[in-house]
Amino acid sequence: MLLTSQVSPGVQALERMVQLFDQALQQALAALVEAPALQSNLLVMDDLAMDARMLRDEGLSLLPAGFVLDICPPAESGVSVLTLLQRAEAVSRELSINQFPEGMSLLIVRLVDALRDHS
């Protein structure tokens, strides 16, 4: 990670969002592994996993070159994938859009679309 004093608040917020996206992806993948093959919400969880992966990867691409993401622990058990995505959306509202790295508005639109599609 770059020195904290060198990292803007927007990059710090984006890092938290990427960590939440990663936790959401891990939760969705774990649910897919544990789910019976005929479970009715299997396709929904698969779609959530795909959304979380795309959001995480896009968020990673917005971080500055040379930035190393801090590894975060898995989400506490019982927290849903949607809750993790909602937490990431809440982080996106902590700062004005111009404080985030360039390209952040598209990531936020994709996040809101994913939440709308699954809520």
N, C-alpha and C. Protein backbone atom coordinates (compact mmCIF):
# COMPACT_ATOMS: atom_id res chain seq x y z
N MET A 1 0.84 -1.17 0.00
CA MET A 1 0.00 0.00 0.00
C MET A 1 0.88 1.23 0.00
N LEU A 2 0.45 2.25 -0.66
CA LEU A 2 1.16 3.51 -0.63
C LEU A 2 1.08 4.08 0.77
N LEU A 3 1.98 4.98 1.12
CA LEU A 3 1.91 5.59 2.44
C LEU A 3 0.55 6.26 2.61
N THR A 4 -0.04 6.09 3.79
CA THR A 4 -1.38 6.60 4.04
C THR A 4 -1.47 8.09 3.75
N SER A 5 -0.42 8.83 4.08
CA SER A 5 -0.45 10.28 3.86
C SER A 5 -0.49 10.61 2.37
N GLN A 6 -0.09 9.67 1.51
CA GLN A 6 -0.08 9.89 0.08
C GLN A 6 -1.38 9.43 -0.58
N VAL A 7 -2.23 8.74 0.14
CA VAL A 7 -3.45 8.18 -0.44
C VAL A 7 -4.60 9.14 -0.17
N SER A 8 -5.29 9.51 -1.23
CA SER A 8 -6.40 10.45 -1.10
C SER A 8 -7.59 9.78 -0.42
N PRO A 9 -8.49 10.57 0.16
CA PRO A 9 -9.70 9.99 0.76
C PRO A 9 -10.52 9.19 -0.25
N GLY A 10 -10.53 9.64 -1.51
CA GLY A 10 -11.27 8.91 -2.53
C GLY A 10 -10.70 7.53 -2.79
N VAL A 11 -9.38 7.43 -2.79
CA VAL A 11 -8.73 6.13 -3.00
C VAL A 11 -8.98 5.23 -1.78
N GLN A 12 -8.93 5.81 -0.58
CA GLN A 12 -9.21 5.03 0.63
C GLN A 12 -10.64 4.49 0.61
N ALA A 13 -11.59 5.33 0.20
CA ALA A 13 -12.99 4.89 0.12
C ALA A 13 -13.15 3.81 -0.95
N LEU A 14 -12.50 4.00 -2.09
CA LEU A 14 -12.57 3.00 -3.16
C LEU A 14 -11.98 1.68 -2.67
N GLU A 15 -10.89 1.74 -1.92
CA GLU A 15 -10.30 0.52 -1.37
C GLU A 15 -11.30 -0.21 -0.48
N ARG A 16 -12.01 0.52 0.38
CA ARG A 16 -13.02 -0.12 1.23
C ARG A 16 -14.12 -0.74 0.39
N MET A 17 -14.52 -0.06 -0.68
CA MET A 17 -15.55 -0.60 -1.55
C MET A 17 -15.07 -1.89 -2.21
N VAL A 18 -13.85 -1.90 -2.71
CA VAL A 18 -13.31 -3.10 -3.36
C VAL A 18 -13.25 -4.25 -2.36
N GLN A 19 -12.89 -3.96 -1.13
CA GLN A 19 -12.86 -5.01 -0.11
C GLN A 19 -14.27 -5.56 0.13
N LEU A 20 -15.27 -4.69 0.16
CA LEU A 20 -16.65 -5.15 0.33
C LEU A 20 -17.12 -5.96 -0.88
N PHE A 21 -16.72 -5.53 -2.09
CA PHE A 21 -17.05 -6.31 -3.29
C PHE A 21 -16.43 -7.70 -3.20
N ASP A 22 -15.18 -7.76 -2.73
CA ASP A 22 -14.50 -9.05 -2.62
C ASP A 22 -15.19 -9.93 -1.58
N GLN A 23 -15.58 -9.35 -0.45
CA GLN A 23 -16.30 -10.12 0.56
C GLN A 23 -17.64 -10.63 0.00
N ALA A 24 -18.32 -9.77 -0.77
CA ALA A 24 -19.59 -10.18 -1.38
C ALA A 24 -19.36 -11.35 -2.34
N LEU A 25 -18.30 -11.27 -3.12
CA LEU A 25 -17.98 -12.35 -4.05
C LEU A 25 -17.71 -13.64 -3.29
N GLN A 26 -16.92 -13.57 -2.23
CA GLN A 26 -16.61 -14.78 -1.44
C GLN A 26 -17.87 -15.37 -0.82
N GLN A 27 -18.77 -14.51 -0.32
CA GLN A 27 -20.03 -14.99 0.25
C GLN A 27 -20.87 -15.68 -0.81
N ALA A 28 -20.97 -15.06 -1.99
CA ALA A 28 -21.78 -15.64 -3.07
C ALA A 28 -21.21 -16.97 -3.53
N LEU A 29 -19.89 -17.05 -3.67
CA LEU A 29 -19.27 -18.31 -4.10
C LEU A 29 -19.46 -19.39 -3.05
N ALA A 30 -19.35 -19.03 -1.78
CA ALA A 30 -19.56 -20.01 -0.71
C ALA A 30 -21.01 -20.51 -0.74
N ALA A 31 -21.95 -19.62 -0.98
CA ALA A 31 -23.37 -20.02 -1.05
C ALA A 31 -23.60 -20.94 -2.23
N LEU A 32 -22.93 -20.69 -3.34
CA LEU A 32 -23.08 -21.55 -4.51
C LEU A 32 -22.54 -22.95 -4.24
N VAL A 33 -21.43 -23.04 -3.54
CA VAL A 33 -20.83 -24.34 -3.23
C VAL A 33 -21.73 -25.13 -2.28
N GLU A 34 -22.32 -24.41 -1.33
CA GLU A 34 -23.14 -25.08 -0.32
C GLU A 34 -24.56 -25.37 -0.79
N ALA A 35 -25.00 -24.69 -1.86
CA ALA A 35 -26.39 -24.80 -2.30
C ALA A 35 -26.64 -26.11 -3.04
N PRO A 36 -27.77 -26.73 -2.77
CA PRO A 36 -28.15 -27.90 -3.57
C PRO A 36 -28.36 -27.48 -5.02
N ALA A 37 -28.09 -28.36 -5.93
CA ALA A 37 -28.14 -28.05 -7.36
C ALA A 37 -29.50 -27.57 -7.82
N LEU A 38 -30.56 -27.97 -7.16
CA LEU A 38 -31.90 -27.60 -7.60
C LEU A 38 -32.49 -26.44 -6.81
N GLN A 39 -31.69 -25.79 -5.97
CA GLN A 39 -32.19 -24.68 -5.17
C GLN A 39 -32.68 -23.57 -6.08
N SER A 40 -33.83 -23.02 -5.77
CA SER A 40 -34.46 -22.03 -6.65
C SER A 40 -33.68 -20.74 -6.79
N ASN A 41 -32.93 -20.34 -5.78
CA ASN A 41 -32.21 -19.08 -5.89
C ASN A 41 -30.77 -19.26 -6.36
N LEU A 42 -30.46 -20.42 -6.90
CA LEU A 42 -29.11 -20.69 -7.38
C LEU A 42 -28.71 -19.72 -8.49
N LEU A 43 -29.61 -19.46 -9.42
CA LEU A 43 -29.30 -18.52 -10.51
C LEU A 43 -29.13 -17.11 -9.99
N VAL A 44 -29.92 -16.73 -9.01
CA VAL A 44 -29.80 -15.39 -8.41
C VAL A 44 -28.43 -15.25 -7.76
N MET A 45 -28.00 -16.26 -7.01
CA MET A 45 -26.70 -16.20 -6.34
C MET A 45 -25.57 -16.20 -7.35
N ASP A 46 -25.73 -16.94 -8.43
CA ASP A 46 -24.73 -16.95 -9.49
C ASP A 46 -24.62 -15.56 -10.13
N ASP A 47 -25.75 -14.92 -10.33
CA ASP A 47 -25.78 -13.58 -10.90
C ASP A 47 -25.14 -12.57 -9.93
N LEU A 48 -25.43 -12.71 -8.65
CA LEU A 48 -24.82 -11.84 -7.65
C LEU A 48 -23.30 -12.03 -7.61
N ALA A 49 -22.86 -13.26 -7.71
CA ALA A 49 -21.42 -13.53 -7.73
C ALA A 49 -20.77 -12.87 -8.93
N MET A 50 -21.42 -12.95 -10.09
CA MET A 50 -20.88 -12.32 -11.29
C MET A 50 -20.82 -10.80 -11.13
N ASP A 51 -21.89 -10.21 -10.58
CA ASP A 51 -21.90 -8.76 -10.36
C ASP A 51 -20.79 -8.35 -9.39
N ALA A 52 -20.65 -9.09 -8.29
CA ALA A 52 -19.62 -8.77 -7.29
C ALA A 52 -18.23 -8.87 -7.90
N ARG A 53 -18.00 -9.89 -8.74
CA ARG A 53 -16.70 -10.05 -9.38
C ARG A 53 -16.41 -8.89 -10.33
N MET A 54 -17.40 -8.51 -11.13
CA MET A 54 -17.18 -7.40 -12.08
C MET A 54 -16.95 -6.09 -11.33
N LEU A 55 -17.71 -5.85 -10.26
CA LEU A 55 -17.52 -4.63 -9.48
C LEU A 55 -16.14 -4.61 -8.82
N ARG A 56 -15.73 -5.75 -8.27
CA ARG A 56 -14.41 -5.82 -7.64
C ARG A 56 -13.31 -5.56 -8.65
N ASP A 57 -13.40 -6.22 -9.80
CA ASP A 57 -12.36 -6.07 -10.80
C ASP A 57 -12.31 -4.65 -11.37
N GLU A 58 -13.47 -4.05 -11.60
CA GLU A 58 -13.50 -2.68 -12.10
C GLU A 58 -12.94 -1.72 -11.04
N GLY A 59 -13.32 -1.94 -9.78
CA GLY A 59 -12.78 -1.11 -8.69
C GLY A 59 -11.27 -1.23 -8.59
N LEU A 60 -10.76 -2.44 -8.72
CA LEU A 60 -9.31 -2.63 -8.70
C LEU A 60 -8.63 -1.87 -9.82
N SER A 61 -9.26 -1.83 -10.99
CA SER A 61 -8.65 -1.14 -12.13
C SER A 61 -8.61 0.37 -11.93
N LEU A 62 -9.43 0.91 -11.03
CA LEU A 62 -9.46 2.35 -10.77
C LEU A 62 -8.43 2.78 -9.73
N LEU A 63 -7.89 1.82 -8.99
CA LEU A 63 -6.88 2.16 -7.98
C LEU A 63 -5.59 2.59 -8.67
N PRO A 64 -4.84 3.49 -8.04
CA PRO A 64 -3.60 3.98 -8.67
C PRO A 64 -2.60 2.86 -8.93
N ALA A 65 -1.76 3.05 -9.94
CA ALA A 65 -0.70 2.08 -10.25
C ALA A 65 0.20 1.93 -9.03
N GLY A 66 0.55 0.71 -8.73
CA GLY A 66 1.42 0.44 -7.59
C GLY A 66 0.67 0.30 -6.28
N PHE A 67 -0.63 0.51 -6.29
CA PHE A 67 -1.43 0.39 -5.07
C PHE A 67 -1.62 -1.08 -4.76
N VAL A 68 -1.34 -1.45 -3.52
CA VAL A 68 -1.53 -2.83 -3.08
C VAL A 68 -2.70 -2.84 -2.11
N LEU A 69 -3.71 -3.60 -2.45
CA LEU A 69 -4.92 -3.67 -1.64
C LEU A 69 -4.64 -4.41 -0.35
N ASP A 70 -5.05 -3.82 0.78
CA ASP A 70 -4.94 -4.51 2.06
C ASP A 70 -5.90 -5.70 2.05
N ILE A 71 -5.42 -6.84 2.48
CA ILE A 71 -6.28 -8.02 2.55
C ILE A 71 -7.20 -7.85 3.74
N CYS A 72 -8.47 -8.07 3.51
CA CYS A 72 -9.43 -7.93 4.61
C CYS A 72 -9.97 -9.30 4.97
N PRO A 73 -10.42 -9.44 6.22
CA PRO A 73 -10.98 -10.73 6.64
C PRO A 73 -12.31 -10.98 5.94
N PRO A 74 -12.73 -12.23 5.90
CA PRO A 74 -14.04 -12.52 5.31
C PRO A 74 -15.14 -11.80 6.11
N ALA A 75 -16.24 -11.57 5.45
CA ALA A 75 -17.38 -10.93 6.12
C ALA A 75 -17.86 -11.81 7.26
N GLU A 76 -18.40 -11.17 8.27
CA GLU A 76 -18.94 -11.95 9.38
C GLU A 76 -20.06 -12.84 8.86
N SER A 77 -20.19 -14.01 9.42
CA SER A 77 -21.20 -14.94 8.93
C SER A 77 -22.59 -14.36 9.17
N GLY A 78 -23.49 -14.69 8.29
CA GLY A 78 -24.85 -14.19 8.40
C GLY A 78 -25.08 -12.89 7.64
N VAL A 79 -24.02 -12.28 7.11
CA VAL A 79 -24.18 -11.05 6.34
C VAL A 79 -24.41 -11.45 4.89
N SER A 80 -25.48 -10.97 4.32
CA SER A 80 -25.83 -11.35 2.95
C SER A 80 -24.97 -10.60 1.93
N VAL A 81 -24.94 -11.15 0.75
CA VAL A 81 -24.23 -10.52 -0.36
C VAL A 81 -24.82 -9.14 -0.63
N LEU A 82 -26.14 -9.05 -0.62
CA LEU A 82 -26.79 -7.76 -0.86
C LEU A 82 -26.42 -6.74 0.21
N THR A 83 -26.34 -7.16 1.45
CA THR A 83 -25.95 -6.25 2.53
C THR A 83 -24.54 -5.71 2.29
N LEU A 84 -23.63 -6.57 1.85
CA LEU A 84 -22.26 -6.13 1.58
C LEU A 84 -22.23 -5.13 0.43
N LEU A 85 -23.03 -5.38 -0.60
CA LEU A 85 -23.10 -4.43 -1.72
C LEU A 85 -23.74 -3.12 -1.27
N GLN A 86 -24.73 -3.18 -0.39
CA GLN A 86 -25.34 -1.97 0.14
C GLN A 86 -24.34 -1.17 0.97
N ARG A 87 -23.49 -1.87 1.71
CA ARG A 87 -22.45 -1.18 2.48
C ARG A 87 -21.47 -0.47 1.55
N ALA A 88 -21.13 -1.11 0.44
CA ALA A 88 -20.24 -0.48 -0.54
C ALA A 88 -20.89 0.76 -1.13
N GLU A 89 -22.18 0.67 -1.40
CA GLU A 89 -22.90 1.84 -1.94
C GLU A 89 -22.91 2.97 -0.93
N ALA A 90 -23.04 2.65 0.35
CA ALA A 90 -23.01 3.68 1.39
C ALA A 90 -21.64 4.36 1.44
N VAL A 91 -20.58 3.60 1.24
CA VAL A 91 -19.23 4.18 1.20
C VAL A 91 -19.13 5.16 0.04
N SER A 92 -19.75 4.84 -1.08
CA SER A 92 -19.66 5.72 -2.25
C SER A 92 -20.31 7.07 -2.00
N ARG A 93 -21.19 7.16 -1.00
CA ARG A 93 -21.87 8.42 -0.69
C ARG A 93 -21.13 9.24 0.36
N GLU A 94 -20.02 8.73 0.87
CA GLU A 94 -19.28 9.46 1.91
C GLU A 94 -18.54 10.68 1.37
N LEU A 95 -18.22 10.66 0.09
CA LEU A 95 -17.46 11.75 -0.53
C LEU A 95 -18.16 12.21 -1.79
N SER A 96 -17.81 13.40 -2.24
CA SER A 96 -18.34 13.84 -3.53
C SER A 96 -17.61 13.09 -4.64
N ILE A 97 -18.27 12.96 -5.75
CA ILE A 97 -17.74 12.15 -6.85
C ILE A 97 -16.38 12.66 -7.34
N ASN A 98 -16.14 13.96 -7.26
CA ASN A 98 -14.87 14.49 -7.76
C ASN A 98 -13.70 14.15 -6.85
N GLN A 99 -13.94 13.58 -5.67
CA GLN A 99 -12.86 13.16 -4.79
C GLN A 99 -12.38 11.74 -5.10
N PHE A 100 -13.15 11.03 -5.89
CA PHE A 100 -12.80 9.66 -6.25
C PHE A 100 -11.92 9.64 -7.49
N PRO A 101 -11.24 8.53 -7.74
CA PRO A 101 -10.47 8.41 -8.99
C PRO A 101 -11.38 8.50 -10.21
N GLU A 102 -10.81 8.92 -11.31
CA GLU A 102 -11.55 9.02 -12.56
C GLU A 102 -12.15 7.66 -12.92
N GLY A 103 -13.38 7.66 -13.38
CA GLY A 103 -14.07 6.43 -13.74
C GLY A 103 -14.99 5.92 -12.66
N MET A 104 -14.99 6.58 -11.51
CA MET A 104 -15.78 6.11 -10.37
C MET A 104 -17.28 6.19 -10.63
N SER A 105 -17.72 7.18 -11.38
CA SER A 105 -19.17 7.33 -11.59
C SER A 105 -19.75 6.11 -12.29
N LEU A 106 -19.03 5.53 -13.24
CA LEU A 106 -19.52 4.34 -13.92
C LEU A 106 -19.59 3.15 -12.96
N LEU A 107 -18.61 3.03 -12.09
CA LEU A 107 -18.64 1.95 -11.09
C LEU A 107 -19.86 2.11 -10.18
N ILE A 108 -20.15 3.33 -9.77
CA ILE A 108 -21.30 3.56 -8.90
C ILE A 108 -22.60 3.23 -9.62
N VAL A 109 -22.69 3.61 -10.89
CA VAL A 109 -23.89 3.27 -11.67
C VAL A 109 -24.07 1.77 -11.75
N ARG A 110 -23.00 1.04 -11.99
CA ARG A 110 -23.08 -0.43 -12.07
C ARG A 110 -23.48 -1.03 -10.73
N LEU A 111 -22.96 -0.47 -9.65
CA LEU A 111 -23.31 -0.95 -8.32
C LEU A 111 -24.79 -0.72 -8.04
N VAL A 112 -25.27 0.48 -8.33
CA VAL A 112 -26.69 0.79 -8.10
C VAL A 112 -27.58 -0.10 -8.98
N ASP A 113 -27.16 -0.34 -10.21
CA ASP A 113 -27.92 -1.23 -11.09
C ASP A 113 -27.99 -2.65 -10.50
N ALA A 114 -26.87 -3.13 -9.99
CA ALA A 114 -26.85 -4.48 -9.39
C ALA A 114 -27.78 -4.54 -8.18
N LEU A 115 -27.75 -3.51 -7.35
CA LEU A 115 -28.62 -3.48 -6.19
C LEU A 115 -30.09 -3.43 -6.62
N ARG A 116 -30.39 -2.62 -7.60
CA ARG A 116 -31.77 -2.52 -8.10
C ARG A 116 -32.24 -3.87 -8.67
N ASP A 117 -31.38 -4.51 -9.42
CA ASP A 117 -31.76 -5.78 -10.04
C ASP A 117 -32.00 -6.89 -9.02
N HIS A 118 -31.38 -6.81 -7.85
CA HIS A 118 -31.47 -7.92 -6.89
C HIS A 118 -32.28 -7.58 -5.65
N SER A 119 -32.78 -6.37 -5.58
CA SER A 119 -33.55 -5.98 -4.38
C SER A 119 -35.02 -6.26 -4.56
